[in-house]
Structure formats: structure tokens, C-alpha cells
């Protein structure tokens, strides 16, 4: 059975596609703010969870009043006194 395409079927298909397109467009205007609010809350919860886990890893448990040194300073960071020998010079014309 071979069916033949008609102009009526083509126009009907185009109208259905346009109707669905505009329906999605109108419904998205109503539901997009709620969807965006929901997604932003979910992202915020996810970031708060990651930040909380990161903070727990970085801060080991310490007793109150205990002094903790995170990093010792380099002792060789000062200038080197033996750079070289000073040479006087005269400007030549």
C-alpha cells in the first residue's frame, strides 16, 4: 500500500508543528522562573556541601588555646652578603 502525500496533510503537519512550538514557548514563559529558581537552589546546596567538605578537610581538630604554625619561614630568604667585589669606575669621554 503506497500512500500519496497531499497538500492538506502537508499544511496540517506544518500547523501542528507551529502550534506545538508556540505552546512550548508560552509554557516556558510561565514555568522558566520556577525551573530556574529550583535549579539555583540545587546548585547552591551542592556548592555549600562542597565548601563544607573542603573546610572540614582544611581545619584539623584543635584544642582551644593551642598554637599551630602552618608554615615555617625560609631561613635563607635574606640577601647574600657575598655578592661580589665593588669596582670604582670613571666615565670616559
Protein backbone atom coordinates (compact mmCIF):
# COMPACT_ATOMS: atom_id res chain seq x y z
CA UNK A 1 0.00 0.00 0.00
CA UNK A 2 1.52 3.20 -1.17
CA UNK A 3 0.15 6.45 0.21
CA UNK A 4 0.28 9.66 -1.66
CA UNK A 5 1.14 12.95 0.05
CA UNK A 6 -1.45 15.67 -0.20
CA UNK A 7 -1.34 19.41 0.24
CA UNK A 8 -3.87 19.13 3.06
CA UNK A 9 -1.64 16.71 5.00
CA UNK A 10 1.41 18.93 4.50
CA UNK A 11 -0.39 22.08 5.71
CA UNK A 12 -1.83 20.15 8.66
CA UNK A 13 1.66 18.92 9.67
CA UNK A 14 3.12 22.44 9.44
CA UNK A 15 0.25 23.83 11.57
CA UNK A 16 0.75 21.14 14.22
CA UNK A 17 4.48 21.88 14.37
CA UNK A 18 3.82 25.63 14.74
CA UNK A 19 1.15 25.02 17.39
CA UNK A 20 3.50 22.83 19.43
CA UNK A 21 6.32 25.38 19.02
CA UNK A 22 4.21 28.28 20.29
CA UNK A 23 2.72 26.18 23.11
CA UNK A 24 6.24 25.33 24.33
CA UNK A 25 7.23 28.98 24.01
CA UNK A 26 4.24 30.20 26.06
CA UNK A 27 4.56 27.48 28.70
CA UNK A 28 8.27 28.16 29.09
CA UNK A 29 7.48 31.79 29.99
CA UNK A 30 5.32 30.57 32.85
CA UNK A 31 7.49 27.72 34.12
CA UNK A 32 11.01 29.02 33.41
CA UNK A 33 11.23 31.22 36.55
CA UNK A 34 10.20 28.30 38.76
CA UNK A 35 12.60 25.98 37.00
CA UNK A 36 15.47 28.47 37.29
CA UNK A 37 14.72 29.04 40.99
CA UNK A 38 14.70 25.28 41.60
CA UNK A 39 17.98 24.80 39.71
CA UNK A 40 19.68 27.69 41.53
CA UNK A 41 18.66 26.24 44.92
CA UNK A 42 20.05 22.86 43.93
CA UNK A 43 23.33 24.42 42.76
CA UNK A 44 23.57 26.44 45.97
CA UNK A 45 23.09 23.32 48.08
CA UNK A 46 25.73 21.50 46.04
CA UNK A 47 28.27 24.32 46.44
CA UNK A 48 27.56 24.62 50.16
CA UNK A 49 28.12 20.90 50.53
CA UNK A 50 31.43 21.06 48.67
CA UNK A 51 32.54 24.12 50.64
CA UNK A 52 31.66 22.42 53.93
CA UNK A 53 33.63 19.31 52.99
CA UNK A 54 36.59 21.43 51.94
CA UNK A 55 36.54 23.38 55.20
CA UNK A 56 36.44 20.17 57.23
CA UNK A 57 39.48 18.81 55.42
CA UNK A 58 41.49 22.01 55.82
CA UNK A 59 40.85 22.58 59.52
CA UNK A 60 42.08 19.71 61.67
CA UNK A 61 40.58 19.46 65.14
CA UNK A 62 42.43 21.71 67.57
CA UNK A 63 42.09 22.27 71.24
CA UNK A 64 41.20 25.73 72.48
CA UNK A 65 44.28 27.87 73.18
CA UNK A 66 46.62 25.66 71.14
CA UNK A 67 49.09 27.44 68.86
CA UNK A 68 49.59 25.96 65.41
CA UNK A 69 52.23 27.04 62.89
CA UNK A 70 51.13 26.20 59.35
CA UNK A 71 54.35 27.01 57.52
CA UNK A 72 57.88 27.65 58.68
CA UNK A 73 59.57 30.64 57.01
CA UNK A 74 62.66 30.06 54.88
CA UNK A 75 65.84 30.95 56.74
CA UNK A 76 67.81 31.69 53.56
CA UNK A 77 65.43 34.33 52.28
CA UNK A 78 67.72 37.25 53.31
CA UNK A 79 70.19 38.91 50.95
CA UNK A 80 73.53 37.29 50.25
CA UNK A 81 76.40 39.40 51.62
CA UNK A 82 78.98 37.82 49.30
CA UNK A 83 77.62 39.10 46.01
CA UNK A 84 80.87 40.28 44.55
CA UNK A 85 83.54 42.88 44.78
CA UNK A 86 82.86 46.63 44.34
CA UNK A 87 84.83 48.28 41.50
CA UNK A 88 85.21 52.05 41.12
CA UNK A 89 84.97 53.37 37.62
CA UNK A 90 85.46 56.61 35.80
CA UNK A 91 83.40 57.82 32.90
CA UNK A 92 85.41 58.10 29.69
CA UNK A 93 84.54 60.83 27.16
